[in-house]
Amino acid sequence: MIKEYKFNKERILLGIVFLLLMLIFSFYFLLEPEKFIRNIFTRKETNQILGIMGIILFSSLIFSSLKILPRKYAIRITDEYLIDNSKYESFGKIEWNNISKTQRIKKYSIEIFLNEPVFKDRKIDMFRKYLLFMSNWNYKKSIIISSAILNCDVEELYKEINLAHKKNKKTIQNSHL
């Protein structure tokens, strides 16, 4: 069994346009901080810091979004493994025996908890760690798959992942008997 879920390219492009607008706004915050001073507690330096933080965040999100555009599929589910390509910083191929549990979070997301050695075995550069941290504060224990930019329903995706995970657990248990 192989199930593939593709990206919704229109949503990605719309997201890139929004991020570009936010990046321009961040530059404006940095270059013209006086225009954003509203009360005695807001200072020019605070606005410039916010502008710098916005530039870093939005430019990294634009880069991440541009990197996933040419990918053919976002998620691939097979009997042996799950391939997560839904983000630039995704882990890629994850074998079912490395997944401890899955759960739904929020409206459009699935959290997949991985065994600890998976994170230790993978070398992740600082940029990817930054992106992982920005989307998942628990990034050393789990990964998050969001259906917001996928061409599928999150409930359908969750059922397919759980079905394949349970099927693999039964196969492993039967092989040990």
Protein backbone atom coordinates (compact mmCIF):
# COMPACT_ATOMS: atom_id res chain seq x y z
CA MET A 1 0.00 0.00 0.00
CA ILE A 2 1.31 3.43 -0.94
CA LYS A 3 -0.69 6.57 -0.25
CA GLU A 4 0.58 9.96 -1.36
CA TYR A 5 -0.72 13.39 -0.39
CA LYS A 6 0.19 16.39 -2.49
CA PHE A 7 0.58 20.07 -1.70
CA ASN A 8 -2.04 22.70 -2.34
CA LYS A 9 0.23 24.95 -4.44
CA GLU A 10 -2.25 27.85 -4.43
CA ARG A 11 -2.15 28.03 -0.64
CA ILE A 12 1.64 27.96 -0.65
CA LEU A 13 1.79 30.80 -3.19
CA LEU A 14 -0.76 32.80 -1.22
CA GLY A 15 1.34 32.22 1.91
CA ILE A 16 4.47 33.44 0.12
CA VAL A 17 2.68 36.64 -0.94
CA PHE A 18 1.52 37.21 2.65
CA LEU A 19 5.05 36.57 3.98
CA LEU A 20 6.51 39.01 1.45
CA LEU A 21 4.09 41.68 2.65
CA MET A 22 5.05 40.99 6.26
CA LEU A 23 8.75 41.14 5.31
CA ILE A 24 8.24 44.55 3.67
CA PHE A 25 6.34 45.71 6.75
CA SER A 26 9.24 44.49 8.95
CA PHE A 27 11.73 46.51 6.89
CA TYR A 28 9.48 49.52 7.28
CA PHE A 29 9.38 48.91 11.05
CA LEU A 30 13.19 48.88 11.08
CA LEU A 31 13.73 51.92 8.84
CA GLU A 32 10.87 54.15 10.08
CA PRO A 33 10.35 53.18 13.76
CA GLU A 34 9.09 56.63 14.77
CA LYS A 35 5.88 56.15 12.78
CA PHE A 36 4.91 53.23 15.00
CA ILE A 37 5.36 54.92 18.36
CA ARG A 38 1.87 55.05 19.87
CA ASN A 39 2.39 55.77 23.57
CA ILE A 40 5.08 56.64 26.10
CA PHE A 41 6.01 52.97 26.61
CA THR A 42 6.91 52.30 22.98
CA ARG A 43 10.42 53.31 22.03
CA LYS A 44 12.23 53.62 18.74
CA GLU A 45 14.69 50.85 19.70
CA THR A 46 11.87 48.44 20.56
CA ASN A 47 10.31 48.94 17.15
CA GLN A 48 13.68 48.41 15.44
CA ILE A 49 14.21 45.17 17.37
CA LEU A 50 10.75 44.01 16.29
CA GLY A 51 11.65 44.89 12.71
CA ILE A 52 14.87 42.85 12.87
CA MET A 53 13.04 39.89 14.40
CA GLY A 54 10.38 40.13 11.69
CA ILE A 55 12.98 40.25 8.93
CA ILE A 56 14.68 37.12 10.26
CA LEU A 57 11.42 35.22 10.77
CA PHE A 58 9.66 36.14 7.54
CA SER A 59 12.70 35.73 5.29
CA SER A 60 13.34 32.24 6.73
CA LEU A 61 9.67 31.30 6.22
CA ILE A 62 9.78 32.56 2.63
CA PHE A 63 12.92 30.48 2.00
CA SER A 64 11.25 27.43 3.55
CA SER A 65 8.11 27.92 1.44
CA LEU A 66 10.08 28.33 -1.78
CA LYS A 67 12.01 25.11 -1.08
CA ILE A 68 8.85 22.98 -0.85
CA LEU A 69 7.22 24.32 -4.04
CA PRO A 70 9.00 21.93 -6.46
CA ARG A 71 8.32 18.82 -4.35
CA LYS A 72 5.96 16.28 -5.93
CA TYR A 73 4.31 15.06 -2.75
CA ALA A 74 4.09 16.19 0.86
CA ILE A 75 3.34 12.92 2.65
CA ARG A 76 3.86 9.33 1.52
CA ILE A 77 2.55 6.45 3.60
CA THR A 78 3.75 2.91 2.92
CA ASP A 79 3.68 -0.34 4.88
CA GLU A 80 7.30 0.14 6.01
CA TYR A 81 7.61 3.87 6.61
CA LEU A 82 6.20 7.38 6.48
CA ILE A 83 7.89 10.06 4.39
CA ASP A 84 7.21 13.59 5.59
CA ASN A 85 8.16 16.24 3.02
CA SER A 86 5.49 18.71 4.15
CA LYS A 87 8.02 21.33 5.28
CA TYR A 88 11.55 22.28 4.37
CA GLU A 89 12.72 21.17 7.81
CA SER A 90 10.82 17.85 7.73
CA PHE A 91 12.55 14.63 8.72
CA GLY A 92 11.81 12.75 5.52
CA LYS A 93 11.70 8.97 5.87
CA ILE A 94 10.59 7.69 9.28
CA GLU A 95 10.16 3.97 9.88
CA TRP A 96 7.02 2.93 11.73
CA ASN A 97 8.97 1.30 14.55
CA ASN A 98 10.48 4.72 15.36
CA ILE A 99 7.03 6.21 15.99
CA SER A 100 5.74 5.84 19.54
CA LYS A 101 2.32 7.51 19.16
CA THR A 102 0.27 9.97 17.16
CA GLN A 103 -2.35 12.49 18.18
CA ARG A 104 -4.45 15.26 16.70
CA ILE A 105 -3.64 18.79 17.84
CA LYS A 106 -5.54 21.93 17.05
CA LYS A 107 -7.72 22.03 13.97
CA TYR A 108 -5.33 21.20 11.12
CA SER A 109 -2.39 19.36 12.69
CA ILE A 110 -1.14 15.94 13.67
CA GLU A 111 1.64 15.43 16.20
CA ILE A 112 3.81 12.35 15.78
CA PHE A 113 5.98 11.35 18.71
CA LEU A 114 9.25 9.68 17.77
CA ASN A 115 11.64 7.51 19.75
CA GLU A 116 14.56 9.49 21.18
CA PRO A 117 17.32 7.85 19.07
CA VAL A 118 15.73 9.23 15.90
CA PHE A 119 16.56 12.78 16.95
CA LYS A 120 20.07 11.88 18.10
CA ASP A 121 20.89 10.02 14.87
CA ARG A 122 19.89 12.88 12.59
CA LYS A 123 22.21 15.80 12.10
CA ILE A 124 20.17 18.96 11.85
CA ASP A 125 21.79 22.27 10.93
CA MET A 126 21.06 25.42 12.94
CA PHE A 127 18.71 26.87 10.33
CA ARG A 128 16.51 23.76 10.33
CA LYS A 129 16.60 23.67 14.14
CA TYR A 130 15.42 27.27 14.16
CA LEU A 131 12.55 26.45 11.78
CA LEU A 132 11.64 23.34 13.79
CA PHE A 133 11.59 25.36 17.00
CA MET A 134 9.44 28.10 15.46
CA SER A 135 6.75 25.60 14.44
CA ASN A 136 7.07 23.09 17.30
CA TRP A 137 8.47 23.94 20.71
CA ASN A 138 8.59 20.24 21.49
CA TYR A 139 10.74 19.54 18.43
CA LYS A 140 13.11 17.17 20.27
CA LYS A 141 10.30 14.69 20.95
CA SER A 142 7.79 15.08 18.15
CA ILE A 143 7.12 16.35 14.67
CA ILE A 144 4.02 18.22 13.55
CA ILE A 145 2.32 17.67 10.23
CA SER A 146 -0.06 20.45 9.29
CA SER A 147 -2.71 19.89 6.65
CA ALA A 148 -3.03 23.64 6.02
CA ILE A 149 -0.98 23.42 2.81
CA LEU A 150 -1.96 19.87 1.83
CA ASN A 151 -4.61 18.72 -0.61
CA CYS A 152 -6.34 16.49 1.92
CA ASP A 153 -8.50 16.47 4.97
CA VAL A 154 -6.57 16.25 8.25
CA GLU A 155 -8.96 13.60 9.57
CA GLU A 156 -8.37 11.37 6.53
CA LEU A 157 -4.59 11.81 6.86
CA TYR A 158 -4.73 11.01 10.58
CA LYS A 159 -6.73 7.83 9.97
CA GLU A 160 -4.30 6.66 7.27
CA ILE A 161 -1.24 7.30 9.45
CA ASN A 162 -2.82 5.50 12.43
CA LEU A 163 -3.95 2.58 10.26
CA ALA A 164 -0.47 2.08 8.79
CA HIS A 165 1.17 2.49 12.23
CA LYS A 166 -1.15 -0.10 13.85
CA LYS A 167 -0.69 -2.47 10.92
CA ASN A 168 3.08 -2.25 11.31
CA LYS A 169 2.87 -2.89 15.07
CA LYS A 170 0.84 -6.07 14.45
CA THR A 171 3.35 -7.23 11.85
CA ILE A 172 6.25 -6.71 14.27
CA GLN A 173 4.41 -8.49 17.10
CA ASN A 174 3.56 -11.45 14.84
CA SER A 175 7.15 -11.75 13.64
CA HIS A 176 8.40 -11.97 17.25
CA LEU A 177 6.07 -14.90 18.06
